[in-house]
Amino acid sequence: MSNELASLTGAYAVDALIGTELEEFERHLASCEDCVQEVAELRETAARLGADTAVPPPERLKQAVLEEITRTRQLPPLSAEPSHGRVLSFPKARRWTTRLAVAAAVIGIALAAAFGGLAWNSQQQLAEANRLAEQAGAHNAEVARLLQSPDASLVHGSAGDARAVSVVSRRMGSAAFLTADMPAAPADRTYQLWFIGGGGPRSAGVLPGPSTGEPLLTTMPADARQIAVTVEPRGGSAQPTTDPIMVMAVPT
């Protein structure tokens, strides 16, 4: 068995492989019963995933990711700039496959689960989280701290074919937001994220381009009850100028 190809079962299960890598893995799959079984188990688990809006990550999964980055250099504090937010920059090794895999790993594999792929409680995915966290390197300390929070929860939403997931922690006052299948905004427009609470909507930042596969990490107000996405003029707005195209409830 090729160890490198066998390690791609998780990415294959969420349809993240493309081109030559996909062809090579499928050739490997034709002669590897272990990988066939693992892919089948992952997809079976994915089919059983419910539509819960909040999924606390299990301690085992947190530790599987965090143990790989215990020597991570701490990054500077989050910027308070309302219309820009923080975009984490991940190493670019295998184009979309690596971007999706690393983002899924550092936000706890929960993102892939919400997008219809991976299991919270499978041993295979704990191993996958370990492997992908190694790729993530020192860039993800802040997301790791978010994942480590005891009250970290997952929320997700959709708008047409576009999907979004966010890991939120009221204790930390932080959230990480990631989209998939989001069409590009018009040339003079941008997607902007908002927290909506008793004080009205507050900007969480302008979303990165849909092709980056990178999460937006931002601070979350204590009174936030919803996360919303609007289409705004390029550069963002101080207040929403259009109706939300996506709204997600934040667990209380």
Protein backbone atom coordinates (compact mmCIF):
# COMPACT_ATOMS: atom_id res chain seq x y z
CA MET A 1 0.00 0.00 0.00
CA SER A 2 1.28 3.46 -0.85
CA ASN A 3 1.29 5.43 2.39
CA GLU A 4 1.00 8.73 0.55
CA LEU A 5 -2.02 7.66 -1.48
CA ALA A 6 -3.62 5.89 1.49
CA SER A 7 -3.47 9.15 3.44
CA LEU A 8 -5.83 10.77 0.92
CA THR A 9 -8.92 8.78 1.88
CA GLY A 10 -10.35 11.71 3.82
CA ALA A 11 -9.87 14.16 0.96
CA TYR A 12 -11.34 11.64 -1.51
CA ALA A 13 -14.38 11.11 0.74
CA VAL A 14 -15.21 14.83 0.55
CA ASP A 15 -14.54 15.03 -3.21
CA ALA A 16 -11.49 17.25 -2.67
CA LEU A 17 -9.16 15.45 -5.08
CA ILE A 18 -8.83 16.68 -8.64
CA GLY A 19 -6.80 16.01 -11.77
CA THR A 20 -3.81 13.69 -11.62
CA GLU A 21 -4.11 13.21 -7.87
CA LEU A 22 -7.69 11.96 -8.27
CA GLU A 23 -6.70 9.60 -11.08
CA GLU A 24 -3.77 8.18 -9.08
CA PHE A 25 -5.89 7.64 -5.98
CA GLU A 26 -8.67 5.90 -7.90
CA ARG A 27 -6.12 3.56 -9.49
CA HIS A 28 -4.78 2.84 -6.01
CA LEU A 29 -8.33 2.34 -4.72
CA ALA A 30 -8.98 -0.35 -7.31
CA SER A 31 -6.33 -2.56 -5.69
CA CYS A 32 -6.53 -1.56 -2.01
CA GLU A 33 -9.32 -3.17 0.01
CA ASP A 34 -8.35 -1.24 3.16
CA CYS A 35 -8.82 2.10 1.44
CA VAL A 36 -12.08 0.99 -0.17
CA GLN A 37 -13.42 0.08 3.27
CA GLU A 38 -12.19 3.32 4.84
CA VAL A 39 -13.74 5.50 2.13
CA ALA A 40 -17.02 3.58 2.45
CA GLU A 41 -17.04 4.08 6.22
CA LEU A 42 -16.39 7.80 5.88
CA ARG A 43 -19.17 8.27 3.36
CA GLU A 44 -21.57 6.13 5.38
CA THR A 45 -20.91 8.29 8.42
CA ALA A 46 -21.37 11.42 6.34
CA ALA A 47 -24.79 10.20 5.23
CA ARG A 48 -25.84 9.91 8.87
CA LEU A 49 -24.79 13.41 9.80
CA GLY A 50 -27.70 15.43 11.10
CA ALA A 51 -28.60 19.03 10.58
CA ASP A 52 -27.74 20.28 14.08
CA THR A 53 -26.71 23.91 14.18
CA ALA A 54 -24.29 23.43 17.06
CA VAL A 55 -21.84 20.54 17.44
CA PRO A 56 -19.34 20.73 20.31
CA PRO A 57 -16.08 19.08 19.25
CA PRO A 58 -15.04 16.04 21.32
CA GLU A 59 -11.97 16.32 23.51
CA ARG A 60 -10.13 13.55 21.63
CA LEU A 61 -10.35 15.44 18.36
CA LYS A 62 -9.15 18.67 19.93
CA GLN A 63 -6.14 16.93 21.41
CA ALA A 64 -5.33 15.16 18.13
CA VAL A 65 -4.93 18.53 16.44
CA LEU A 66 -3.40 20.43 19.32
CA GLU A 67 -0.69 17.87 20.05
CA GLU A 68 0.68 18.48 16.56
CA ILE A 69 1.09 22.20 17.09
CA THR A 70 2.33 22.41 20.67
CA ARG A 71 5.48 24.13 19.45
CA THR A 72 3.55 26.65 17.38
CA ARG A 73 4.74 30.25 17.48
CA GLN A 74 1.93 32.46 18.79
CA LEU A 75 0.57 34.96 16.28
CA PRO A 76 -0.16 38.64 17.02
CA PRO A 77 -3.57 39.64 18.46
CA LEU A 78 -6.55 39.99 16.14
CA SER A 79 -6.95 43.30 14.37
CA ALA A 80 -9.98 45.31 15.45
CA GLU A 81 -10.42 46.84 11.98
CA PRO A 82 -14.15 46.28 11.29
CA SER A 83 -14.11 46.04 7.52
CA HIS A 84 -11.13 43.79 6.93
CA GLY A 85 -10.98 41.06 9.60
CA ARG A 86 -8.20 38.48 9.71
CA VAL A 87 -7.55 35.96 6.96
CA LEU A 88 -5.28 33.06 7.85
CA SER A 89 -2.69 32.26 5.21
CA PHE A 90 -2.00 28.56 4.73
CA PRO A 91 0.90 26.88 2.91
CA LYS A 92 0.14 26.17 -0.74
CA ALA A 93 1.28 22.67 -1.58
CA ARG A 94 -1.46 20.81 -3.41
CA ARG A 95 -3.74 23.60 -4.59
CA TRP A 96 -7.39 23.05 -3.63
CA THR A 97 -6.77 19.69 -1.99
CA THR A 98 -4.31 21.09 0.52
CA ARG A 99 -6.25 24.31 1.14
CA LEU A 100 -9.45 22.42 1.92
CA ALA A 101 -7.70 19.72 3.92
CA VAL A 102 -5.66 22.10 6.06
CA ALA A 103 -8.61 24.36 6.73
CA ALA A 104 -10.70 21.35 7.72
CA ALA A 105 -7.97 20.04 10.00
CA VAL A 106 -7.27 23.21 11.92
CA ILE A 107 -10.93 23.93 12.51
CA GLY A 108 -11.25 20.43 13.82
CA ILE A 109 -12.47 18.36 10.83
CA ALA A 110 -15.86 19.80 11.80
CA LEU A 111 -15.88 21.90 8.65
CA ALA A 112 -15.66 18.86 6.44
CA ALA A 113 -18.37 17.19 8.50
CA ALA A 114 -20.67 20.16 8.00
CA PHE A 115 -19.90 20.14 4.28
CA GLY A 116 -21.09 16.52 4.20
CA GLY A 117 -17.92 14.52 4.53
CA LEU A 118 -16.09 13.50 7.68
CA ALA A 119 -17.03 11.98 11.04
CA TRP A 120 -16.45 13.49 14.45
CA ASN A 121 -15.96 10.16 16.16
CA SER A 122 -14.06 7.98 13.70
CA GLN A 123 -10.52 6.87 14.40
CA GLN A 124 -9.69 7.37 10.73
CA GLN A 125 -10.46 11.07 10.98
CA LEU A 126 -8.42 11.51 14.14
CA ALA A 127 -5.47 10.17 12.17
CA GLU A 128 -6.37 12.44 9.25
CA ALA A 129 -6.48 15.44 11.59
CA ASN A 130 -3.00 14.60 12.83
CA ARG A 131 -1.62 14.37 9.29
CA LEU A 132 -3.24 17.59 8.12
CA ALA A 133 -2.28 19.53 11.23
CA GLU A 134 1.34 18.73 10.44
CA GLN A 135 0.87 20.41 7.06
CA ALA A 136 -0.73 23.44 8.70
CA GLY A 137 2.46 24.14 10.63
CA ALA A 138 2.82 27.31 12.67
CA HIS A 139 0.14 29.32 10.90
CA ASN A 140 -2.84 28.13 12.87
CA ALA A 141 -2.23 28.86 16.55
CA GLU A 142 -5.22 31.15 16.81
CA VAL A 143 -7.62 28.68 15.24
CA ALA A 144 -6.15 25.99 17.48
CA ARG A 145 -6.91 28.10 20.55
CA LEU A 146 -10.46 28.60 19.29
CA LEU A 147 -10.87 24.87 18.79
CA GLN A 148 -9.48 24.24 22.28
CA SER A 149 -12.14 26.37 23.95
CA PRO A 150 -14.54 24.15 25.96
CA ASP A 151 -17.58 25.92 24.51
CA ALA A 152 -16.47 25.79 20.85
CA SER A 153 -19.48 25.01 18.66
CA LEU A 154 -20.14 24.59 14.97
CA VAL A 155 -22.85 26.44 13.05
CA HIS A 156 -23.55 26.17 9.36
CA GLY A 157 -25.77 27.67 6.71
CA SER A 158 -26.42 27.76 2.99
CA ALA A 159 -27.64 29.99 0.19
CA GLY A 160 -28.37 28.14 -3.03
CA ASP A 161 -25.30 26.01 -3.76
CA ALA A 162 -23.11 28.07 -1.43
CA ARG A 163 -22.36 26.64 1.99
CA ALA A 164 -20.70 28.12 5.05
CA VAL A 165 -19.52 26.89 8.42
CA SER A 166 -18.27 28.73 11.46
CA VAL A 167 -16.62 27.62 14.69
CA VAL A 168 -17.66 30.00 17.46
CA SER A 169 -16.69 30.43 21.11
CA ARG A 170 -18.44 32.89 23.41
CA ARG A 171 -15.82 32.31 26.08
CA MET A 172 -13.06 33.46 23.72
CA GLY A 173 -15.22 35.97 21.86
CA SER A 174 -13.95 34.52 18.57
CA ALA A 175 -15.23 32.89 15.41
CA ALA A 176 -13.68 31.26 12.33
CA PHE A 177 -15.78 31.36 9.15
CA LEU A 178 -15.27 29.37 5.94
CA THR A 179 -17.30 29.06 2.74
CA ALA A 180 -17.53 26.49 -0.04
CA ASP A 181 -19.05 26.78 -3.53
CA MET A 182 -19.52 30.52 -3.04
CA PRO A 183 -19.78 32.28 -6.41
CA ALA A 184 -17.43 35.19 -6.95
CA ALA A 185 -18.95 38.56 -6.09
CA PRO A 186 -19.34 41.09 -8.92
CA ALA A 187 -16.19 43.07 -9.71
CA ASP A 188 -17.34 46.13 -7.75
CA ARG A 189 -18.79 44.15 -4.85
CA THR A 190 -17.60 42.01 -1.97
CA TYR A 191 -19.06 39.62 0.57
CA GLN A 192 -19.11 40.98 4.11
CA LEU A 193 -19.67 39.08 7.36
CA TRP A 194 -21.76 40.53 10.20
CA PHE A 195 -22.59 39.67 13.79
CA ILE A 196 -26.16 40.65 14.66
CA GLY A 197 -27.16 41.23 18.29
CA GLY A 198 -28.95 43.66 20.56
CA GLY A 199 -26.70 46.49 19.44
CA GLY A 200 -27.51 45.93 15.76
CA PRO A 201 -25.24 44.53 13.04
CA ARG A 202 -21.47 44.79 13.51
CA SER A 203 -18.94 44.02 10.81
CA ALA A 204 -16.87 40.87 11.24
CA GLY A 205 -14.81 41.54 8.13
CA VAL A 206 -14.77 41.27 4.36
CA LEU A 207 -14.63 37.66 3.21
CA PRO A 208 -11.58 36.43 1.27
CA GLY A 209 -12.07 35.34 -2.33
CA PRO A 210 -13.98 32.08 -2.82
CA SER A 211 -10.95 30.37 -4.39
CA THR A 212 -8.66 30.76 -1.39
CA GLY A 213 -10.16 28.04 0.78
CA GLU A 214 -9.05 30.09 3.81
CA PRO A 215 -11.12 30.83 6.93
CA LEU A 216 -11.79 34.34 8.20
CA LEU A 217 -10.87 34.57 11.89
CA THR A 218 -12.52 37.43 13.74
CA THR A 219 -13.67 38.65 17.15
CA MET A 220 -17.30 37.99 18.13
CA PRO A 221 -19.37 40.45 20.21
CA ALA A 222 -20.79 39.08 23.45
CA ASP A 223 -24.37 39.82 22.38
CA ALA A 224 -24.09 38.16 18.95
CA ARG A 225 -27.16 36.07 18.15
CA GLN A 226 -26.73 35.62 14.40
CA ILE A 227 -24.02 35.55 11.76
CA ALA A 228 -25.03 37.06 8.43
CA VAL A 229 -23.46 37.55 5.00
CA THR A 230 -24.35 40.46 2.72
CA VAL A 231 -23.12 41.73 -0.64
CA GLU A 232 -21.53 45.16 -0.20
CA PRO A 233 -19.59 47.70 -2.28
CA ARG A 234 -15.94 46.75 -2.72
CA GLY A 235 -14.01 47.31 0.51
CA GLY A 236 -17.03 46.78 2.75
CA SER A 237 -19.55 49.00 4.49
CA ALA A 238 -19.95 50.44 7.98
CA GLN A 239 -23.51 49.08 8.05
CA PRO A 240 -25.28 46.56 5.76
CA THR A 241 -26.65 48.10 2.58
CA THR A 242 -28.42 44.95 1.31
CA ASP A 243 -30.48 42.14 2.80
CA PRO A 244 -28.48 39.12 4.01
CA ILE A 245 -28.00 36.27 1.57
CA MET A 246 -27.20 33.89 4.44
CA VAL A 247 -28.04 33.92 8.16
CA MET A 248 -26.85 31.48 10.85
CA ALA A 249 -27.92 31.33 14.49
CA VAL A 250 -25.16 31.54 17.11
CA PRO A 251 -25.68 29.13 20.06
CA THR A 252 -26.54 30.90 23.31
